[in-house]
Amino acid sequence: MTRYGKPIKNTRRRDPRYFLNEGLAGGFTAIEEIGTPEEKERAKVLKPKQYTFANHDDEYPTLVVKDETGAVSISRSTSRDPNKNEDIILKQLKPDGYTGVEIVGPNSHLR
């Protein structure tokens, strides 16, 4: 019997080619795209799998993260989503073994 159409995906075998560009999940943007000079300066002190905050005196400081490959990403909270960075740290970064560096200001409880 012949089969027509798209084959069913074999869920047991994952092709690694689809995961090569995998980095930090949603909510992050590459720092080269929208980062300010202060955010880029804060990224220089980070080692892989570390995070910190830039603009820490602001009401909604920017979360700066360096992943295990050395790529730096940022996440900005807004008044519309004030707990965004806290949720990312508690649900995504801490379970993956990321550590906070030099965290001061309103988010210092997230060390």
C-alpha atoms as a PDB file:
ATOM      1  CA  MET A   1       0.000   0.000   0.000  1.00  0.00           C
ATOM      2  CA  THR A   2       1.366   3.430  -0.857  1.00  0.00           C
ATOM      3  CA  ARG A   3       0.929   6.468   1.255  1.00  0.00           C
ATOM      4  CA  TYR A   4       0.250   9.976  -0.003  1.00  0.00           C
ATOM      5  CA  GLY A   5       0.682  13.315   1.681  1.00  0.00           C
ATOM      6  CA  LYS A   6       2.957  14.544   4.399  1.00  0.00           C
ATOM      7  CA  PRO A   7       4.394  11.776   6.589  1.00  0.00           C
ATOM      8  CA  ILE A   8       3.503  11.715  10.261  1.00  0.00           C
ATOM      9  CA  LYS A   9       6.270  13.112  12.431  1.00  0.00           C
ATOM     10  CA  ASN A  10       8.107  10.515  14.433  1.00  0.00           C
ATOM     11  CA  THR A  11       8.000  12.013  17.907  1.00  0.00           C
ATOM     12  CA  ARG A  12      10.592   9.619  19.322  1.00  0.00           C
ATOM     13  CA  ARG A  13      13.389  10.836  17.080  1.00  0.00           C
ATOM     14  CA  ARG A  14      14.135  14.555  17.146  1.00  0.00           C
ATOM     15  CA  ASP A  15      16.211  15.966  14.339  1.00  0.00           C
ATOM     16  CA  PRO A  16      18.896  18.153  15.969  1.00  0.00           C
ATOM     17  CA  ARG A  17      18.951  20.525  12.993  1.00  0.00           C
ATOM     18  CA  TYR A  18      15.699  22.062  14.202  1.00  0.00           C
ATOM     19  CA  PHE A  19      17.195  23.013  17.551  1.00  0.00           C
ATOM     20  CA  LEU A  20      20.512  24.586  16.512  1.00  0.00           C
ATOM     21  CA  ASN A  21      19.264  28.156  16.931  1.00  0.00           C
ATOM     22  CA  GLU A  22      17.577  27.426  20.198  1.00  0.00           C
ATOM     23  CA  GLY A  23      18.467  29.932  22.883  1.00  0.00           C
ATOM     24  CA  LEU A  24      16.443  31.697  25.502  1.00  0.00           C
ATOM     25  CA  ALA A  25      12.730  31.336  25.002  1.00  0.00           C
ATOM     26  CA  GLY A  26      10.054  33.965  24.548  1.00  0.00           C
ATOM     27  CA  GLY A  27      10.245  37.417  26.039  1.00  0.00           C
ATOM     28  CA  PHE A  28      13.868  38.034  25.047  1.00  0.00           C
ATOM     29  CA  THR A  29      15.400  40.174  22.312  1.00  0.00           C
ATOM     30  CA  ALA A  30      19.021  40.182  21.169  1.00  0.00           C
ATOM     31  CA  ILE A  31      20.852  43.064  22.829  1.00  0.00           C
ATOM     32  CA  GLU A  32      22.393  44.135  19.511  1.00  0.00           C
ATOM     33  CA  GLU A  33      18.943  44.962  18.163  1.00  0.00           C
ATOM     34  CA  ILE A  34      17.539  47.307  20.820  1.00  0.00           C
ATOM     35  CA  GLY A  35      20.048  47.513  23.658  1.00  0.00           C
ATOM     36  CA  THR A  36      21.100  50.864  25.100  1.00  0.00           C
ATOM     37  CA  PRO A  37      24.764  51.619  25.946  1.00  0.00           C
ATOM     38  CA  GLU A  38      24.039  51.078  29.658  1.00  0.00           C
ATOM     39  CA  GLU A  39      22.499  47.661  28.967  1.00  0.00           C
ATOM     40  CA  LYS A  40      25.468  46.658  26.811  1.00  0.00           C
ATOM     41  CA  GLU A  41      27.842  47.785  29.567  1.00  0.00           C
ATOM     42  CA  ARG A  42      26.034  45.622  32.123  1.00  0.00           C
ATOM     43  CA  ALA A  43      26.298  42.625  29.768  1.00  0.00           C
ATOM     44  CA  LYS A  44      30.106  42.814  29.798  1.00  0.00           C
ATOM     45  CA  VAL A  45      30.334  41.646  33.428  1.00  0.00           C
ATOM     46  CA  LEU A  46      28.255  38.525  32.815  1.00  0.00           C
ATOM     47  CA  LYS A  47      29.619  35.024  32.403  1.00  0.00           C
ATOM     48  CA  PRO A  48      27.606  32.324  30.606  1.00  0.00           C
ATOM     49  CA  LYS A  49      24.368  31.386  32.410  1.00  0.00           C
ATOM     50  CA  GLN A  50      24.210  34.598  34.428  1.00  0.00           C
ATOM     51  CA  TYR A  51      21.709  37.443  34.558  1.00  0.00           C
ATOM     52  CA  THR A  52      21.536  40.939  35.986  1.00  0.00           C
ATOM     53  CA  PHE A  53      19.480  44.109  35.713  1.00  0.00           C
ATOM     54  CA  ALA A  54      20.326  47.287  33.835  1.00  0.00           C
ATOM     55  CA  ASN A  55      18.671  50.616  34.661  1.00  0.00           C
ATOM     56  CA  HIS A  56      18.092  49.192  38.135  1.00  0.00           C
ATOM     57  CA  ASP A  57      16.925  52.557  39.491  1.00  0.00           C
ATOM     58  CA  ASP A  58      13.980  52.581  37.079  1.00  0.00           C
ATOM     59  CA  GLU A  59      10.581  51.282  38.076  1.00  0.00           C
ATOM     60  CA  TYR A  60      10.831  48.538  35.435  1.00  0.00           C
ATOM     61  CA  PRO A  61      14.522  47.605  35.051  1.00  0.00           C
ATOM     62  CA  THR A  62      15.748  45.657  32.045  1.00  0.00           C
ATOM     63  CA  LEU A  63      16.743  42.033  32.568  1.00  0.00           C
ATOM     64  CA  VAL A  64      20.074  41.239  30.863  1.00  0.00           C
ATOM     65  CA  VAL A  65      20.899  37.537  30.356  1.00  0.00           C
ATOM     66  CA  LYS A  66      23.888  35.732  28.862  1.00  0.00           C
ATOM     67  CA  ASP A  67      23.125  32.159  27.820  1.00  0.00           C
ATOM     68  CA  GLU A  68      25.519  29.220  27.746  1.00  0.00           C
ATOM     69  CA  THR A  69      26.614  30.060  24.190  1.00  0.00           C
ATOM     70  CA  GLY A  70      27.612  33.609  25.192  1.00  0.00           C
ATOM     71  CA  ALA A  71      24.730  35.336  23.403  1.00  0.00           C
ATOM     72  CA  VAL A  72      23.297  38.275  25.348  1.00  0.00           C
ATOM     73  CA  SER A  73      19.553  38.949  25.407  1.00  0.00           C
ATOM     74  CA  ILE A  74      17.384  41.461  27.195  1.00  0.00           C
ATOM     75  CA  SER A  75      13.839  41.525  28.484  1.00  0.00           C
ATOM     76  CA  ARG A  76      11.974  44.719  29.321  1.00  0.00           C
ATOM     77  CA  SER A  77       9.046  44.933  31.704  1.00  0.00           C
ATOM     78  CA  THR A  78       6.383  47.560  31.196  1.00  0.00           C
ATOM     79  CA  SER A  79       3.481  48.939  33.177  1.00  0.00           C
ATOM     80  CA  ARG A  80       1.271  46.600  31.150  1.00  0.00           C
ATOM     81  CA  ASP A  81       3.312  43.571  32.285  1.00  0.00           C
ATOM     82  CA  PRO A  82       5.187  44.601  35.458  1.00  0.00           C
ATOM     83  CA  ASN A  83       5.961  41.050  36.658  1.00  0.00           C
ATOM     84  CA  LYS A  84       7.383  39.800  33.364  1.00  0.00           C
ATOM     85  CA  ASN A  85      11.031  39.666  34.442  1.00  0.00           C
ATOM     86  CA  GLU A  86      10.275  38.158  37.829  1.00  0.00           C
ATOM     87  CA  ASP A  87       8.259  35.386  36.167  1.00  0.00           C
ATOM     88  CA  ILE A  88      11.066  34.726  33.674  1.00  0.00           C
ATOM     89  CA  ILE A  89      13.633  34.411  36.476  1.00  0.00           C
ATOM     90  CA  LEU A  90      11.517  32.190  38.693  1.00  0.00           C
ATOM     91  CA  LYS A  91      10.039  29.957  35.980  1.00  0.00           C
ATOM     92  CA  GLN A  92      12.744  29.847  33.318  1.00  0.00           C
ATOM     93  CA  LEU A  93      16.200  30.975  34.452  1.00  0.00           C
ATOM     94  CA  LYS A  94      16.502  29.630  38.010  1.00  0.00           C
ATOM     95  CA  PRO A  95      15.279  26.116  37.069  1.00  0.00           C
ATOM     96  CA  ASP A  96      17.900  26.033  34.298  1.00  0.00           C
ATOM     97  CA  GLY A  97      20.711  26.906  36.704  1.00  0.00           C
ATOM     98  CA  TYR A  98      21.193  30.591  35.872  1.00  0.00           C
ATOM     99  CA  THR A  99      22.608  32.797  38.624  1.00  0.00           C
ATOM    100  CA  GLY A 100      22.063  36.474  39.336  1.00  0.00           C
ATOM    101  CA  VAL A 101      24.983  38.909  39.472  1.00  0.00           C
ATOM    102  CA  GLU A 102      25.152  42.321  41.170  1.00  0.00           C
ATOM    103  CA  ILE A 103      21.403  42.628  41.523  1.00  0.00           C
ATOM    104  CA  VAL A 104      20.422  45.754  43.413  1.00  0.00           C
ATOM    105  CA  GLY A 105      17.338  47.899  43.588  1.00  0.00           C
ATOM    106  CA  PRO A 106      13.680  46.867  43.382  1.00  0.00           C
ATOM    107  CA  ASN A 107      14.445  43.323  42.181  1.00  0.00           C
ATOM    108  CA  SER A 108      17.165  42.421  44.683  1.00  0.00           C
ATOM    109  CA  HIS A 109      14.902  39.747  46.197  1.00  0.00           C
ATOM    110  CA  LEU A 110      15.411  37.663  43.040  1.00  0.00           C
ATOM    111  CA  ARG A 111      19.084  36.824  43.719  1.00  0.00           C
END
